[in-house]
N, C-alpha and C. Protein backbone atom coordinates (compact mmCIF):
# COMPACT_ATOMS: atom_id res chain seq x y z
N MET A 1 -197.15 96.31 -124.25
CA MET A 1 -197.74 97.63 -124.25
C MET A 1 -198.84 97.68 -125.30
N ASP A 2 -199.82 98.48 -125.03
CA ASP A 2 -200.90 98.64 -125.99
C ASP A 2 -201.28 100.11 -126.02
N SER A 3 -201.35 100.67 -127.19
CA SER A 3 -201.68 102.09 -127.35
C SER A 3 -202.30 102.31 -128.71
N LEU A 4 -203.20 103.25 -128.81
CA LEU A 4 -203.76 103.61 -130.11
C LEU A 4 -202.77 104.39 -130.95
N ASP A 5 -201.78 104.99 -130.31
CA ASP A 5 -200.75 105.76 -131.00
C ASP A 5 -199.65 104.80 -131.45
N PRO A 6 -199.44 104.62 -132.78
CA PRO A 6 -198.45 103.66 -133.28
C PRO A 6 -197.03 103.90 -132.77
N ARG A 7 -196.70 105.13 -132.40
CA ARG A 7 -195.35 105.39 -131.89
C ARG A 7 -195.10 104.65 -130.58
N TYR A 8 -196.17 104.30 -129.87
CA TYR A 8 -196.04 103.62 -128.58
C TYR A 8 -196.56 102.19 -128.63
N TYR A 9 -196.52 101.58 -129.79
CA TYR A 9 -197.03 100.22 -129.95
C TYR A 9 -195.93 99.33 -130.53
N PRO A 10 -194.98 98.92 -129.70
CA PRO A 10 -193.91 98.07 -130.23
C PRO A 10 -194.29 96.59 -130.21
N ALA A 11 -193.77 95.87 -131.16
CA ALA A 11 -193.88 94.41 -131.19
C ALA A 11 -192.45 93.89 -131.12
N ILE A 12 -192.14 93.16 -130.06
CA ILE A 12 -190.76 92.70 -129.85
C ILE A 12 -190.73 91.18 -129.85
N GLU A 13 -189.94 90.63 -130.75
CA GLU A 13 -189.71 89.19 -130.81
C GLU A 13 -188.34 88.94 -130.17
N CYS A 14 -188.30 88.08 -129.15
CA CYS A 14 -187.05 87.82 -128.42
C CYS A 14 -186.57 86.40 -128.72
N LYS A 15 -185.28 86.28 -128.95
CA LYS A 15 -184.66 84.98 -129.16
C LYS A 15 -183.42 84.89 -128.27
N SER A 16 -183.20 83.72 -127.69
CA SER A 16 -181.99 83.45 -126.92
C SER A 16 -181.30 82.28 -127.61
N ILE A 17 -180.10 82.52 -128.09
CA ILE A 17 -179.42 81.57 -128.97
C ILE A 17 -178.06 81.21 -128.41
N SER A 18 -177.72 79.94 -128.49
CA SER A 18 -176.40 79.48 -128.10
C SER A 18 -175.50 79.60 -129.32
N GLY A 19 -174.50 80.45 -129.24
CA GLY A 19 -173.58 80.63 -130.36
C GLY A 19 -173.46 82.07 -130.78
N LYS A 20 -172.80 82.29 -131.92
CA LYS A 20 -172.46 83.64 -132.38
C LYS A 20 -173.37 84.18 -133.47
N LYS A 21 -174.17 83.33 -134.11
CA LYS A 21 -174.94 83.77 -135.27
C LYS A 21 -176.39 83.35 -135.15
N ILE A 22 -177.24 84.15 -135.77
CA ILE A 22 -178.66 83.79 -135.87
C ILE A 22 -178.94 83.37 -137.31
N TYR A 23 -179.59 82.24 -137.45
CA TYR A 23 -179.94 81.73 -138.77
C TYR A 23 -181.46 81.77 -138.89
N PHE A 24 -181.96 82.53 -139.86
CA PHE A 24 -183.39 82.70 -140.00
C PHE A 24 -184.09 81.41 -140.41
N SER A 25 -183.38 80.50 -141.07
CA SER A 25 -183.98 79.23 -141.45
C SER A 25 -183.98 78.24 -140.29
N GLN A 26 -183.12 78.45 -139.31
CA GLN A 26 -182.96 77.50 -138.21
C GLN A 26 -183.65 77.98 -136.92
N HIS A 27 -183.59 79.26 -136.63
CA HIS A 27 -184.09 79.79 -135.36
C HIS A 27 -185.52 80.31 -135.43
N PHE A 28 -186.12 80.28 -136.61
CA PHE A 28 -187.52 80.68 -136.78
C PHE A 28 -188.25 79.52 -137.44
N HIS A 29 -189.55 79.50 -137.33
CA HIS A 29 -190.31 78.34 -137.82
C HIS A 29 -191.34 78.75 -138.87
N PHE A 30 -191.88 77.73 -139.52
CA PHE A 30 -193.02 77.88 -140.42
C PHE A 30 -194.24 77.40 -139.65
N ASP A 31 -195.36 78.11 -139.78
CA ASP A 31 -196.58 77.69 -139.08
C ASP A 31 -197.30 76.61 -139.89
N LYS A 32 -198.47 76.20 -139.42
CA LYS A 32 -199.20 75.11 -140.08
C LYS A 32 -199.65 75.47 -141.50
N ASN A 33 -199.69 76.78 -141.81
CA ASN A 33 -200.05 77.22 -143.17
C ASN A 33 -198.81 77.50 -144.02
N ASN A 34 -197.66 77.04 -143.55
CA ASN A 34 -196.38 77.20 -144.24
C ASN A 34 -195.97 78.67 -144.39
N VAL A 35 -196.33 79.50 -143.41
CA VAL A 35 -195.93 80.91 -143.38
C VAL A 35 -194.77 81.04 -142.41
N HIS A 36 -193.67 81.64 -142.88
CA HIS A 36 -192.48 81.82 -142.04
C HIS A 36 -192.79 82.79 -140.92
N GLN A 37 -192.19 82.55 -139.76
CA GLN A 37 -192.43 83.38 -138.58
C GLN A 37 -192.15 84.86 -138.83
N ILE A 38 -191.09 85.17 -139.56
CA ILE A 38 -190.76 86.57 -139.86
C ILE A 38 -191.86 87.20 -140.71
N ASP A 39 -192.39 86.45 -141.68
CA ASP A 39 -193.48 86.96 -142.51
C ASP A 39 -194.72 87.24 -141.66
N ALA A 40 -195.05 86.33 -140.75
CA ALA A 40 -196.23 86.51 -139.90
C ALA A 40 -196.08 87.73 -139.01
N ILE A 41 -194.90 87.90 -138.44
CA ILE A 41 -194.63 89.06 -137.58
C ILE A 41 -194.70 90.35 -138.39
N THR A 42 -194.08 90.35 -139.57
CA THR A 42 -194.09 91.54 -140.44
C THR A 42 -195.50 91.91 -140.84
N ASP A 43 -196.32 90.93 -141.21
CA ASP A 43 -197.71 91.20 -141.58
C ASP A 43 -198.49 91.77 -140.39
N PHE A 44 -198.27 91.22 -139.19
CA PHE A 44 -198.95 91.71 -138.00
C PHE A 44 -198.58 93.17 -137.73
N ILE A 45 -197.31 93.48 -137.82
CA ILE A 45 -196.84 94.86 -137.58
C ILE A 45 -197.44 95.80 -138.62
N ARG A 46 -197.46 95.38 -139.86
CA ARG A 46 -198.02 96.21 -140.93
C ARG A 46 -199.51 96.48 -140.69
N LYS A 47 -200.25 95.46 -140.27
CA LYS A 47 -201.69 95.61 -140.04
C LYS A 47 -202.00 96.47 -138.82
N THR A 48 -201.18 96.37 -137.77
CA THR A 48 -201.45 97.11 -136.54
C THR A 48 -200.85 98.50 -136.55
N GLY A 49 -199.92 98.76 -137.48
CA GLY A 49 -199.28 100.07 -137.53
C GLY A 49 -198.22 100.26 -136.48
N GLY A 50 -197.83 99.19 -135.81
CA GLY A 50 -196.81 99.27 -134.77
C GLY A 50 -195.41 99.27 -135.34
N ARG A 51 -194.45 99.26 -134.45
CA ARG A 51 -193.04 99.17 -134.83
C ARG A 51 -192.48 97.87 -134.28
N GLY A 52 -191.79 97.12 -135.12
CA GLY A 52 -191.29 95.82 -134.71
C GLY A 52 -189.80 95.82 -134.47
N PHE A 53 -189.39 94.98 -133.53
CA PHE A 53 -187.98 94.82 -133.20
C PHE A 53 -187.69 93.35 -132.94
N LEU A 54 -186.49 92.94 -133.28
CA LEU A 54 -186.00 91.61 -132.94
C LEU A 54 -184.90 91.80 -131.91
N ALA A 55 -185.08 91.20 -130.74
CA ALA A 55 -184.07 91.26 -129.68
C ALA A 55 -183.45 89.87 -129.57
N VAL A 56 -182.13 89.80 -129.62
CA VAL A 56 -181.42 88.52 -129.59
C VAL A 56 -180.39 88.53 -128.48
N GLU A 57 -180.37 87.44 -127.72
CA GLU A 57 -179.33 87.21 -126.72
C GLU A 57 -178.48 86.05 -127.21
N PHE A 58 -177.18 86.29 -127.35
CA PHE A 58 -176.24 85.25 -127.75
C PHE A 58 -175.57 84.73 -126.49
N ARG A 59 -175.72 83.41 -126.22
CA ARG A 59 -175.13 82.80 -125.03
C ARG A 59 -173.88 82.04 -125.44
N PHE A 60 -172.88 82.10 -124.58
CA PHE A 60 -171.60 81.44 -124.89
C PHE A 60 -171.24 80.42 -123.82
N GLY A 61 -172.18 79.58 -123.44
CA GLY A 61 -171.92 78.51 -122.49
C GLY A 61 -172.06 78.94 -121.03
N ALA A 62 -172.04 77.94 -120.15
CA ALA A 62 -172.19 78.19 -118.72
C ALA A 62 -171.04 79.06 -118.21
N GLY A 63 -171.39 80.11 -117.54
CA GLY A 63 -170.37 81.01 -116.99
C GLY A 63 -169.78 81.96 -118.00
N GLY A 64 -170.11 81.76 -119.27
CA GLY A 64 -169.60 82.64 -120.32
C GLY A 64 -170.40 83.93 -120.39
N ARG A 65 -169.82 84.91 -121.00
CA ARG A 65 -170.55 86.16 -121.11
C ARG A 65 -171.65 86.04 -122.17
N ARG A 66 -172.57 86.96 -122.11
CA ARG A 66 -173.68 86.98 -123.05
C ARG A 66 -173.66 88.31 -123.78
N ARG A 67 -174.07 88.26 -125.02
CA ARG A 67 -174.16 89.48 -125.82
C ARG A 67 -175.60 89.67 -126.25
N ARG A 68 -176.07 90.87 -126.17
CA ARG A 68 -177.44 91.17 -126.57
C ARG A 68 -177.44 92.23 -127.66
N THR A 69 -178.35 92.10 -128.59
CA THR A 69 -178.46 93.07 -129.67
C THR A 69 -179.92 93.13 -130.14
N SER A 70 -180.24 94.14 -130.87
CA SER A 70 -181.59 94.24 -131.44
C SER A 70 -181.51 94.92 -132.79
N CYS A 71 -182.54 94.73 -133.59
CA CYS A 71 -182.61 95.42 -134.88
C CYS A 71 -184.07 95.73 -135.18
N PRO A 72 -184.31 96.78 -135.95
CA PRO A 72 -185.69 97.11 -136.33
C PRO A 72 -186.28 96.00 -137.19
N GLY A 73 -187.57 95.76 -137.05
CA GLY A 73 -188.25 94.69 -137.77
C GLY A 73 -188.13 94.78 -139.27
N THR A 74 -188.15 95.98 -139.83
CA THR A 74 -188.05 96.10 -141.29
C THR A 74 -186.71 95.62 -141.78
N ARG A 75 -185.67 95.89 -141.05
CA ARG A 75 -184.33 95.43 -141.44
C ARG A 75 -184.23 93.92 -141.32
N CYS A 76 -184.83 93.36 -140.28
CA CYS A 76 -184.78 91.91 -140.08
C CYS A 76 -185.51 91.16 -141.18
N SER A 77 -186.68 91.66 -141.57
CA SER A 77 -187.44 90.94 -142.60
C SER A 77 -186.71 90.98 -143.95
N THR A 78 -186.00 92.06 -144.22
CA THR A 78 -185.21 92.15 -145.45
C THR A 78 -184.00 91.22 -145.37
N THR A 79 -183.34 91.19 -144.21
CA THR A 79 -182.16 90.36 -144.00
C THR A 79 -182.52 88.88 -144.05
N ALA A 80 -183.68 88.54 -143.50
CA ALA A 80 -184.07 87.14 -143.40
C ALA A 80 -184.34 86.51 -144.75
N GLY A 81 -184.66 87.31 -145.75
CA GLY A 81 -185.01 86.75 -147.04
C GLY A 81 -186.34 86.04 -146.99
N THR A 82 -187.11 86.28 -146.02
CA THR A 82 -188.41 85.69 -145.68
C THR A 82 -188.84 84.54 -146.57
N SER A 83 -189.83 83.83 -146.15
CA SER A 83 -190.23 82.58 -146.80
C SER A 83 -190.63 82.79 -148.26
N ARG A 84 -191.18 83.93 -148.59
CA ARG A 84 -191.60 84.15 -149.98
C ARG A 84 -190.40 84.12 -150.93
N ALA A 85 -189.26 84.57 -150.42
CA ALA A 85 -188.07 84.62 -151.27
C ALA A 85 -187.24 83.36 -151.17
N SER A 86 -187.36 82.60 -150.07
CA SER A 86 -186.43 81.51 -149.85
C SER A 86 -187.03 80.13 -150.08
N ARG A 87 -188.23 80.03 -150.56
CA ARG A 87 -188.81 78.70 -150.79
C ARG A 87 -188.36 78.09 -152.07
C-alpha cells in the first residue's frame, strides 16, 4: 500500500519460521554495511512516517498446525536489541 497519509502506510516484514521461537540474531541478517535488518527497517519506517509490523508464521512440520502472530515494529526493535546494542 502507498499513501501520503501515514495512518495508511504500513510496512510489514513477514517471516516463516520452523519452530517455536524467533531469534533476532538468527532469523534476520546484516547487510553489506553491517546494518542489522531490524535497524534498517526501523530507520525506513521512521523516515517515511509509516507504521511497521512484524508478521511471523511458526511452522511445526509437515501436516502440523501453524501459528501466526504479529507485533508492532517499535516493540520488535526494542525486543531485538538491534545491532547497535548487540555488537
